[in-house]
Structure formats: C-alpha cells, structure tokens
Amino acid sequence: MGMARSDTLYVTNFPYHFEEKDLEQLFSECGKIVSVRMPSDRISLKHKGFAFITFDNSRSARKALNINGHKIMDKSLKVSLADNKPEQRQEKSD
C-alpha cells in the first residue's frame, strides 16, 4: 500500500491543451513549486491527462488542495495528495 506524499499533488481533469507552465501558473500562489511533471505517451508525445506538482513544503501542498473543484473551461480540476505507489509504477512504465 502506497503512502501519501505530503508535498506532492496529483492533478487531473484539466484541459488537454494545458502545459506544465499553465499548471505552474495556476498553483504558484500556493507556494514555491519544485517541479511539475506531466507524463506523456511515448508514441503521440501528448501528456496523459494528469500531472504531479511538488512543492518545497507540505504546507504549500495542503494550501493547493483548495484548488480542487476549480473550474477551467467547464472542467472541474481534481487535486489530491499524490500516492507514492502509482507514481512509482508510472515511472517504471515510461
């Protein structure tokens, strides 16, 4: 069973045209962002529709959880703490 990371968020349900810089801009008011990762498909090179945003501390990540449900182009963002296990599986398959 994976443990939740307290400084990293799992974000999904954002518009497909979004890039790392768009997510960084959206979440920047919550605190200092260390990294934004959007895994991409090897063949199409398009992102898979989810991202991991890592902050420099858990307090900023908890603050960013308030963005859950924020509407962008009629889509409600889904924001939660990242689970180590799915992320590790994703990195192995990429």
PDB file of N, CA and C in Angstrom:
ATOM      1  N   MET A   1       0.842  -1.178   0.000  1.00  0.00           N
ATOM      2  CA  MET A   1       0.000   0.000   0.000  1.00  0.00           C
ATOM      3  C   MET A   1       0.885   1.239   0.000  1.00  0.00           C
ATOM      4  N   GLY A   2       0.643   2.186  -0.904  1.00  0.00           N
ATOM      5  CA  GLY A   2       1.444   3.390  -1.005  1.00  0.00           C
ATOM      6  C   GLY A   2       1.107   4.391   0.077  1.00  0.00           C
ATOM      7  N   MET A   3       2.066   5.204   0.408  1.00  0.00           N
ATOM      8  CA  MET A   3       1.843   6.253   1.402  1.00  0.00           C
ATOM      9  C   MET A   3       1.694   7.577   0.664  1.00  0.00           C
ATOM     10  N   ALA A   4       0.842   8.438   1.169  1.00  0.00           N
ATOM     11  CA  ALA A   4       0.634   9.740   0.541  1.00  0.00           C
ATOM     12  C   ALA A   4       1.848  10.618   0.792  1.00  0.00           C
ATOM     13  N   ARG A   5       2.271  11.304  -0.248  1.00  0.00           N
ATOM     14  CA  ARG A   5       3.357  12.264  -0.100  1.00  0.00           C
ATOM     15  C   ARG A   5       2.744  13.578   0.336  1.00  0.00           C
ATOM     16  N   SER A   6       3.304  14.204   1.322  1.00  0.00           N
ATOM     17  CA  SER A   6       2.692  15.416   1.857  1.00  0.00           C
ATOM     18  C   SER A   6       3.085  16.678   1.100  1.00  0.00           C
ATOM     19  N   ASP A   7       4.062  16.582   0.190  1.00  0.00           N
ATOM     20  CA  ASP A   7       4.483  17.776  -0.549  1.00  0.00           C
ATOM     21  C   ASP A   7       4.140  17.717  -2.036  1.00  0.00           C
ATOM     22  N   THR A   8       3.523  16.617  -2.484  1.00  0.00           N
ATOM     23  CA  THR A   8       3.260  16.405  -3.908  1.00  0.00           C
ATOM     24  C   THR A   8       1.781  16.163  -4.152  1.00  0.00           C
ATOM     25  N   LEU A   9       1.261  16.845  -5.170  1.00  0.00           N
ATOM     26  CA  LEU A   9      -0.138  16.705  -5.548  1.00  0.00           C
ATOM     27  C   LEU A   9      -0.286  15.906  -6.828  1.00  0.00           C
ATOM     28  N   TYR A  10      -1.405  15.225  -6.931  1.00  0.00           N
ATOM     29  CA  TYR A  10      -1.820  14.544  -8.152  1.00  0.00           C
ATOM     30  C   TYR A  10      -2.967  15.387  -8.700  1.00  0.00           C
ATOM     31  N   VAL A  11      -2.829  15.872  -9.932  1.00  0.00           N
ATOM     32  CA  VAL A  11      -3.818  16.765 -10.527  1.00  0.00           C
ATOM     33  C   VAL A  11      -4.311  16.160 -11.833  1.00  0.00           C
ATOM     34  N   THR A  12      -5.619  16.165 -12.015  1.00  0.00           N
ATOM     35  CA  THR A  12      -6.202  15.635 -13.236  1.00  0.00           C
ATOM     36  C   THR A  12      -7.444  16.440 -13.608  1.00  0.00           C
ATOM     37  N   ASN A  13      -8.004  16.124 -14.753  1.00  0.00           N
ATOM     38  CA  ASN A  13      -9.214  16.751 -15.279  1.00  0.00           C
ATOM     39  C   ASN A  13      -8.992  18.221 -15.655  1.00  0.00           C
ATOM     40  N   PHE A  14      -7.804  18.527 -16.150  1.00  0.00           N
ATOM     41  CA  PHE A  14      -7.533  19.864 -16.673  1.00  0.00           C
ATOM     42  C   PHE A  14      -7.612  19.799 -18.196  1.00  0.00           C
ATOM     43  N   PRO A  15      -7.784  20.953 -18.868  1.00  0.00           N
ATOM     44  CA  PRO A  15      -7.894  20.935 -20.328  1.00  0.00           C
ATOM     45  C   PRO A  15      -6.668  20.304 -20.988  1.00  0.00           C
ATOM     46  N   TYR A  16      -6.902  19.583 -22.069  1.00  0.00           N
ATOM     47  CA  TYR A  16      -5.820  18.874 -22.748  1.00  0.00           C
ATOM     48  C   TYR A  16      -4.751  19.802 -23.321  1.00  0.00           C
ATOM     49  N   HIS A  17      -5.113  21.038 -23.614  1.00  0.00           N
ATOM     50  CA  HIS A  17      -4.121  21.970 -24.154  1.00  0.00           C
ATOM     51  C   HIS A  17      -3.190  22.530 -23.076  1.00  0.00           C
ATOM     52  N   PHE A  18      -3.465  22.234 -21.815  1.00  0.00           N
ATOM     53  CA  PHE A  18      -2.621  22.742 -20.729  1.00  0.00           C
ATOM     54  C   PHE A  18      -1.218  22.172 -20.841  1.00  0.00           C
ATOM     55  N   GLU A  19      -0.255  23.002 -20.458  1.00  0.00           N
ATOM     56  CA  GLU A  19       1.148  22.602 -20.406  1.00  0.00           C
ATOM     57  C   GLU A  19       1.638  22.787 -18.978  1.00  0.00           C
ATOM     58  N   GLU A  20       2.861  22.358 -18.710  1.00  0.00           N
ATOM     59  CA  GLU A  20       3.433  22.492 -17.374  1.00  0.00           C
ATOM     60  C   GLU A  20       3.381  23.930 -16.889  1.00  0.00           C
ATOM     61  N   LYS A  21       3.682  24.872 -17.762  1.00  0.00           N
ATOM     62  CA  LYS A  21       3.704  26.282 -17.353  1.00  0.00           C
ATOM     63  C   LYS A  21       2.321  26.771 -16.935  1.00  0.00           C
ATOM     64  N   ASP A  22       1.262  26.227 -17.545  1.00  0.00           N
ATOM     65  CA  ASP A  22      -0.098  26.620 -17.171  1.00  0.00           C
ATOM     66  C   ASP A  22      -0.432  26.149 -15.752  1.00  0.00           C
ATOM     67  N   LEU A  23      -0.056  24.914 -15.448  1.00  0.00           N
ATOM     68  CA  LEU A  23      -0.296  24.397 -14.101  1.00  0.00           C
ATOM     69  C   LEU A  23       0.567  25.126 -13.085  1.00  0.00           C
ATOM     70  N   GLU A  24       1.801  25.404 -13.445  1.00  0.00           N
ATOM     71  CA  GLU A  24       2.689  26.134 -12.539  1.00  0.00           C
ATOM     72  C   GLU A  24       2.111  27.511 -12.220  1.00  0.00           C
ATOM     73  N   GLN A  25       1.589  28.176 -13.219  1.00  0.00           N
ATOM     74  CA  GLN A  25       0.992  29.493 -13.011  1.00  0.00           C
ATOM     75  C   GLN A  25      -0.239  29.394 -12.101  1.00  0.00           C
ATOM     76  N   LEU A  26      -1.078  28.401 -12.338  1.00  0.00           N
ATOM     77  CA  LEU A  26      -2.296  28.222 -11.554  1.00  0.00           C
ATOM     78  C   LEU A  26      -1.993  27.945 -10.081  1.00  0.00           C
ATOM     79  N   PHE A  27      -0.984  27.143  -9.805  1.00  0.00           N
ATOM     80  CA  PHE A  27      -0.685  26.728  -8.436  1.00  0.00           C
ATOM     81  C   PHE A  27       0.381  27.592  -7.755  1.00  0.00           C
ATOM     82  N   SER A  28       0.982  28.533  -8.455  1.00  0.00           N
ATOM     83  CA  SER A  28       2.096  29.313  -7.905  1.00  0.00           C
ATOM     84  C   SER A  28       1.715  30.150  -6.689  1.00  0.00           C
ATOM     85  N   GLU A  29       0.459  30.550  -6.581  1.00  0.00           N
ATOM     86  CA  GLU A  29       0.035  31.362  -5.431  1.00  0.00           C
ATOM     87  C   GLU A  29       0.025  30.569  -4.131  1.00  0.00           C
ATOM     88  N   CYS A  30       0.118  29.255  -4.225  1.00  0.00           N
ATOM     89  CA  CYS A  30       0.057  28.404  -3.038  1.00  0.00           C
ATOM     90  C   CYS A  30       1.411  28.239  -2.363  1.00  0.00           C
ATOM     91  N   GLY A  31       2.481  28.501  -3.083  1.00  0.00           N
ATOM     92  CA  GLY A  31       3.818  28.345  -2.525  1.00  0.00           C
ATOM     93  C   GLY A  31       4.835  28.064  -3.612  1.00  0.00           C
ATOM     94  N   LYS A  32       6.075  27.836  -3.190  1.00  0.00           N
ATOM     95  CA  LYS A  32       7.154  27.587  -4.138  1.00  0.00           C
ATOM     96  C   LYS A  32       7.038  26.183  -4.720  1.00  0.00           C
ATOM     97  N   ILE A  33       6.983  26.115  -6.042  1.00  0.00           N
ATOM     98  CA  ILE A  33       6.876  24.846  -6.741  1.00  0.00           C
ATOM     99  C   ILE A  33       8.273  24.349  -7.101  1.00  0.00           C
ATOM    100  N   VAL A  34       8.553  23.108  -6.744  1.00  0.00           N
ATOM    101  CA  VAL A  34       9.846  22.490  -7.037  1.00  0.00           C
ATOM    102  C   VAL A  34       9.827  21.872  -8.434  1.00  0.00           C
ATOM    103  N   SER A  35       8.709  21.198  -8.776  1.00  0.00           N
ATOM    104  CA  SER A  35       8.614  20.588 -10.098  1.00  0.00           C
ATOM    105  C   SER A  35       7.162  20.361 -10.497  1.00  0.00           C
ATOM    106  N   VAL A  36       6.948  20.358 -11.801  1.00  0.00           N
ATOM    107  CA  VAL A  36       5.664  19.986 -12.389  1.00  0.00           C
ATOM    108  C   VAL A  36       5.983  18.913 -13.418  1.00  0.00           C
ATOM    109  N   ARG A  37       5.379  17.731 -13.245  1.00  0.00           N
ATOM    110  CA  ARG A  37       5.624  16.624 -14.165  1.00  0.00           C
ATOM    111  C   ARG A  37       4.315  16.194 -14.799  1.00  0.00           C
ATOM    112  N   MET A  38       4.310  16.156 -16.113  1.00  0.00           N
ATOM    113  CA  MET A  38       3.150  15.699 -16.873  1.00  0.00           C
ATOM    114  C   MET A  38       3.601  14.521 -17.731  1.00  0.00           C
ATOM    115  N   PRO A  39       3.416  13.308 -17.242  1.00  0.00           N
ATOM    116  CA  PRO A  39       3.837  12.144 -18.029  1.00  0.00           C
ATOM    117  C   PRO A  39       3.184  12.156 -19.413  1.00  0.00           C
ATOM    118  N   SER A  40       3.961  11.771 -20.413  1.00  0.00           N
ATOM    119  CA  SER A  40       3.442  11.791 -21.784  1.00  0.00           C
ATOM    120  C   SER A  40       3.477  10.391 -22.397  1.00  0.00           C
ATOM    121  N   ASP A  41       2.637  10.222 -23.386  1.00  0.00           N
ATOM    122  CA  ASP A  41       2.563   8.983 -24.143  1.00  0.00           C
ATOM    123  C   ASP A  41       3.805   8.884 -25.029  1.00  0.00           C
ATOM    124  N   ARG A  42       4.431   7.740 -25.071  1.00  0.00           N
ATOM    125  CA  ARG A  42       5.660   7.574 -25.861  1.00  0.00           C
ATOM    126  C   ARG A  42       5.439   7.756 -27.356  1.00  0.00           C
ATOM    127  N   ILE A  43       4.293   7.366 -27.846  1.00  0.00           N
ATOM    128  CA  ILE A  43       4.047   7.417 -29.287  1.00  0.00           C
ATOM    129  C   ILE A  43       3.561   8.796 -29.728  1.00  0.00           C
ATOM    130  N   SER A  44       2.504   9.277 -29.084  1.00  0.00           N
ATOM    131  CA  SER A  44       1.933  10.571 -29.509  1.00  0.00           C
ATOM    132  C   SER A  44       2.676  11.753 -28.916  1.00  0.00           C
ATOM    133  N   LEU A  45       3.423  11.526 -27.846  1.00  0.00           N
ATOM    134  CA  LEU A  45       4.142  12.559 -27.104  1.00  0.00           C
ATOM    135  C   LEU A  45       3.209  13.573 -26.430  1.00  0.00           C
ATOM    136  N   LYS A  46       1.911  13.280 -26.414  1.00  0.00           N
ATOM    137  CA  LYS A  46       0.948  14.139 -25.716  1.00  0.00           C
ATOM    138  C   LYS A  46       0.875  13.681 -24.269  1.00  0.00           C
ATOM    139  N   HIS A  47       0.612  14.655 -23.360  1.00  0.00           N
ATOM    140  CA  HIS A  47       0.520  14.263 -21.963  1.00  0.00           C
ATOM    141  C   HIS A  47      -0.705  13.378 -21.746  1.00  0.00           C
ATOM    142  N   LYS A  48      -0.646  12.591 -20.698  1.00  0.00           N
ATOM    143  CA  LYS A  48      -1.662  11.579 -20.432  1.00  0.00           C
ATOM    144  C   LYS A  48      -2.879  12.115 -19.680  1.00  0.00           C
ATOM    145  N   GLY A  49      -2.904  13.399 -19.390  1.00  0.00           N
ATOM    146  CA  GLY A  49      -4.074  13.995 -18.747  1.00  0.00           C
ATOM    147  C   GLY A  49      -3.985  14.106 -17.236  1.00  0.00           C
ATOM    148  N   PHE A  50      -2.804  13.869 -16.700  1.00  0.00           N
ATOM    149  CA  PHE A  50      -2.606  14.070 -15.268  1.00  0.00           C
ATOM    150  C   PHE A  50      -1.217  14.624 -15.034  1.00  0.00           C
ATOM    151  N   ALA A  51      -1.018  15.167 -13.832  1.00  0.00           N
ATOM    152  CA  ALA A  51       0.266  15.784 -13.509  1.00  0.00           C
ATOM    153  C   ALA A  51       0.581  15.596 -12.032  1.00  0.00           C
ATOM    154  N   PHE A  52       1.858  15.716 -11.717  1.00  0.00           N
ATOM    155  CA  PHE A  52       2.334  15.726 -10.339  1.00  0.00           C
ATOM    156  C   PHE A  52       2.991  17.082 -10.103  1.00  0.00           C
ATOM    157  N   ILE A  53       2.551  17.762  -9.058  1.00  0.00           N
ATOM    158  CA  ILE A  53       3.126  19.063  -8.713  1.00  0.00           C
ATOM    159  C   ILE A  53       3.752  18.916  -7.329  1.00  0.00           C
ATOM    160  N   THR A  54       5.056  19.172  -7.247  1.00  0.00           N
ATOM    161  CA  THR A  54       5.775  19.063  -5.988  1.00  0.00           C
ATOM    162  C   THR A  54       6.133  20.452  -5.484  1.00  0.00           C
ATOM    163  N   PHE A  55       5.764  20.716  -4.235  1.00  0.00           N
ATOM    164  CA  PHE A  55       6.073  21.983  -3.578  1.00  0.00           C
ATOM    165  C   PHE A  55       7.282  21.798  -2.680  1.00  0.00           C
ATOM    166  N   ASP A  56       7.852  22.903  -2.224  1.00  0.00           N
ATOM    167  CA  ASP A  56       9.024  22.812  -1.364  1.00  0.00           C
ATOM    168  C   ASP A  56       8.664  22.435   0.075  1.00  0.00           C
ATOM    169  N   ASN A  57       7.351  22.435   0.407  1.00  0.00           N
ATOM    170  CA  ASN A  57       6.942  22.005   1.742  1.00  0.00           C
ATOM    171  C   ASN A  57       5.490  21.521   1.720  1.00  0.00           C
ATOM    172  N   SER A  58       5.123  20.777   2.739  1.00  0.00           N
ATOM    173  CA  SER A  58       3.783  20.192   2.791  1.00  0.00           C
ATOM    174  C   SER A  58       2.705  21.238   3.054  1.00  0.00           C
ATOM    175  N   ARG A  59       3.049  22.322   3.712  1.00  0.00           N
ATOM    176  CA  ARG A  59       2.054  23.376   3.978  1.00  0.00           C
ATOM    177  C   ARG A  59       1.538  23.973   2.668  1.00  0.00           C
ATOM    178  N   SER A  60       2.420  24.226   1.728  1.00  0.00           N
ATOM    179  CA  SER A  60       2.020  24.763   0.423  1.00  0.00           C
ATOM    180  C   SER A  60       1.146  23.768  -0.327  1.00  0.00           C
ATOM    181  N   ALA A  61       1.493  22.490  -0.245  1.00  0.00           N
ATOM    182  CA  ALA A  61       0.699  21.456  -0.915  1.00  0.00           C
ATOM    183  C   ALA A  61      -0.704  21.393  -0.320  1.00  0.00           C
ATOM    184  N   ARG A  62      -0.803  21.467   0.999  1.00  0.00           N
ATOM    185  CA  ARG A  62      -2.122  21.449   1.638  1.00  0.00           C
ATOM    186  C   ARG A  62      -2.947  22.662   1.224  1.00  0.00           C
ATOM    187  N   LYS A  63      -2.305  23.807   1.111  1.00  0.00           N
ATOM    188  CA  LYS A  63      -2.994  25.017   0.660  1.00  0.00           C
ATOM    189  C   LYS A  63      -3.516  24.821  -0.770  1.00  0.00           C
ATOM    190  N   ALA A  64      -2.717  24.177  -1.604  1.00  0.00           N
ATOM    191  CA  ALA A  64      -3.093  23.956  -3.004  1.00  0.00           C
ATOM    192  C   ALA A  64      -4.260  22.981  -3.144  1.00  0.00           C
ATOM    193  N   LEU A  65      -4.517  22.175  -2.137  1.00  0.00           N
ATOM    194  CA  LEU A  65      -5.663  21.265  -2.181  1.00  0.00           C
ATOM    195  C   LEU A  65      -6.972  22.032  -2.317  1.00  0.00           C
ATOM    196  N   ASN A  66      -6.968  23.303  -1.915  1.00  0.00           N
ATOM    197  CA  ASN A  66      -8.166  24.141  -2.037  1.00  0.00           C
ATOM    198  C   ASN A  66      -8.543  24.419  -3.488  1.00  0.00           C
ATOM    199  N   ILE A  67      -7.642  24.144  -4.424  1.00  0.00           N
ATOM    200  CA  ILE A  67      -7.932  24.360  -5.843  1.00  0.00           C
ATOM    201  C   ILE A  67      -8.791  23.212  -6.390  1.00  0.00           C
ATOM    202  N   ASN A  68      -8.924  22.146  -5.622  1.00  0.00           N
ATOM    203  CA  ASN A  68      -9.783  21.028  -6.035  1.00  0.00           C
ATOM    204  C   ASN A  68     -11.179  21.561  -6.354  1.00  0.00           C
ATOM    205  N   GLY A  69     -11.692  21.204  -7.509  1.00  0.00           N
ATOM    206  CA  GLY A  69     -13.018  21.650  -7.927  1.00  0.00           C
ATOM    207  C   GLY A  69     -13.028  22.956  -8.702  1.00  0.00           C
ATOM    208  N   HIS A  70     -11.877  23.633  -8.777  1.00  0.00           N
ATOM    209  CA  HIS A  70     -11.767  24.887  -9.535  1.00  0.00           C
ATOM    210  C   HIS A  70     -12.126  24.613 -10.997  1.00  0.00           C
ATOM    211  N   LYS A  71     -12.999  25.432 -11.545  1.00  0.00           N
ATOM    212  CA  LYS A  71     -13.461  25.217 -12.932  1.00  0.00           C
ATOM    213  C   LYS A  71     -12.558  25.932 -13.931  1.00  0.00           C
ATOM    214  N   ILE A  72     -12.158  25.181 -14.956  1.00  0.00           N
ATOM    215  CA  ILE A  72     -11.411  25.724 -16.087  1.00  0.00           C
ATOM    216  C   ILE A  72     -12.077  25.169 -17.334  1.00  0.00           C
ATOM    217  N   MET A  73     -12.646  26.057 -18.126  1.00  0.00           N
ATOM    218  CA  MET A  73     -13.330  25.659 -19.355  1.00  0.00           C
ATOM    219  C   MET A  73     -14.342  24.534 -19.097  1.00  0.00           C
ATOM    220  N   ASP A  74     -15.212  24.728 -18.127  1.00  0.00           N
ATOM    221  CA  ASP A  74     -16.273  23.781 -17.769  1.00  0.00           C
ATOM    222  C   ASP A  74     -15.762  22.437 -17.263  1.00  0.00           C
ATOM    223  N   LYS A  75     -14.491  22.372 -16.864  1.00  0.00           N
ATOM    224  CA  LYS A  75     -13.945  21.149 -16.271  1.00  0.00           C
ATOM    225  C   LYS A  75     -13.555  21.471 -14.835  1.00  0.00           C
ATOM    226  N   SER A  76     -13.911  20.607 -13.927  1.00  0.00           N
ATOM    227  CA  SER A  76     -13.540  20.786 -12.524  1.00  0.00           C
ATOM    228  C   SER A  76     -12.235  20.043 -12.251  1.00  0.00           C
ATOM    229  N   LEU A  77     -11.207  20.796 -11.845  1.00  0.00           N
ATOM    230  CA  LEU A  77      -9.922  20.171 -11.519  1.00  0.00           C
ATOM    231  C   LEU A  77     -10.086  19.194 -10.366  1.00  0.00           C
ATOM    232  N   LYS A  78      -9.347  18.122 -10.421  1.00  0.00           N
ATOM    233  CA  LYS A  78      -9.294  17.165  -9.326  1.00  0.00           C
ATOM    234  C   LYS A  78      -7.885  17.209  -8.766  1.00  0.00           C
ATOM    235  N   VAL A  79      -7.794  17.591  -7.509  1.00  0.00           N
ATOM    236  CA  VAL A  79      -6.498  17.768  -6.856  1.00  0.00           C
ATOM    237  C   VAL A  79      -6.487  16.956  -5.571  1.00  0.00           C
ATOM    238  N   SER A  80      -5.467  16.116  -5.411  1.00  0.00           N
ATOM    239  CA  SER A  80      -5.318  15.318  -4.196  1.00  0.00           C
ATOM    240  C   SER A  80      -3.838  15.110  -3.914  1.00  0.00           C
ATOM    241  N   LEU A  81      -3.552  14.641  -2.706  1.00  0.00           N
ATOM    242  CA  LEU A  81      -2.169  14.302  -2.397  1.00  0.00           C
ATOM    243  C   LEU A  81      -1.766  13.098  -3.228  1.00  0.00           C
ATOM    244  N   ALA A  82      -0.558  13.135  -3.738  1.00  0.00           N
ATOM    245  CA  ALA A  82      -0.056  12.037  -4.569  1.00  0.00           C
ATOM    246  C   ALA A  82       0.255  10.827  -3.698  1.00  0.00           C
ATOM    247  N   ASP A  83       0.047   9.666  -4.265  1.00  0.00           N
ATOM    248  CA  ASP A  83       0.353   8.400  -3.618  1.00  0.00           C
ATOM    249  C   ASP A  83       1.649   7.886  -4.239  1.00  0.00           C
ATOM    250  N   ASN A  84       2.619   7.516  -3.433  1.00  0.00           N
ATOM    251  CA  ASN A  84       3.909   7.056  -3.957  1.00  0.00           C
ATOM    252  C   ASN A  84       3.790   5.881  -4.909  1.00  0.00           C
ATOM    253  N   LYS A  85       2.924   4.946  -4.613  1.00  0.00           N
ATOM    254  CA  LYS A  85       2.879   3.717  -5.389  1.00  0.00           C
ATOM    255  C   LYS A  85       2.484   3.938  -6.851  1.00  0.00           C
ATOM    256  N   PRO A  86       1.381   4.661  -7.164  1.00  0.00           N
ATOM    257  CA  PRO A  86       1.066   4.875  -8.580  1.00  0.00           C
ATOM    258  C   PRO A  86       2.166   5.647  -9.311  1.00  0.00           C
ATOM    259  N   GLU A  87       2.785   6.594  -8.638  1.00  0.00           N
ATOM    260  CA  GLU A  87       3.843   7.373  -9.271  1.00  0.00           C
ATOM    261  C   GLU A  87       5.025   6.470  -9.610  1.00  0.00           C
ATOM    262  N   GLN A  88       5.379   5.573  -8.706  1.00  0.00           N
ATOM    263  CA  GLN A  88       6.494   4.674  -8.962  1.00  0.00           C
ATOM    264  C   GLN A  88       6.165   3.741 -10.122  1.00  0.00           C
ATOM    265  N   ARG A  89       4.930   3.240 -10.175  1.00  0.00           N
ATOM    266  CA  ARG A  89       4.530   2.398 -11.300  1.00  0.00           C
ATOM    267  C   ARG A  89       4.609   3.165 -12.604  1.00  0.00           C
ATOM    268  N   GLN A  90       4.167   4.413 -12.587  1.00  0.00           N
ATOM    269  CA  GLN A  90       4.174   5.234 -13.798  1.00  0.00           C
ATOM    270  C   GLN A  90       5.589   5.438 -14.296  1.00  0.00           C
ATOM    271  N   GLU A  91       6.520   5.734 -13.390  1.00  0.00           N
ATOM    272  CA  GLU A  91       7.897   5.960 -13.792  1.00  0.00           C
ATOM    273  C   GLU A  91       8.521   4.693 -14.375  1.00  0.00           C
ATOM    274  N   LYS A  92       8.153   3.526 -13.862  1.00  0.00           N
ATOM    275  CA  LYS A  92       8.695   2.278 -14.380  1.00  0.00           C
ATOM    276  C   LYS A  92       8.185   1.989 -15.784  1.00  0.00           C
ATOM    277  N   SER A  93       6.915   2.376 -16.070  1.00  0.00           N
ATOM    278  CA  SER A  93       6.346   2.061 -17.380  1.00  0.00           C
ATOM    279  C   SER A  93       6.748   3.066 -18.445  1.00  0.00           C
ATOM    280  N   ASP A  94       7.223   4.250 -18.064  1.00  0.00           N
ATOM    281  CA  ASP A  94       7.636   5.271 -19.047  1.00  0.00           C
ATOM    282  C   ASP A  94       8.981   4.997 -19.632  1.00  0.00           C
TER     283      ASP A  94
END
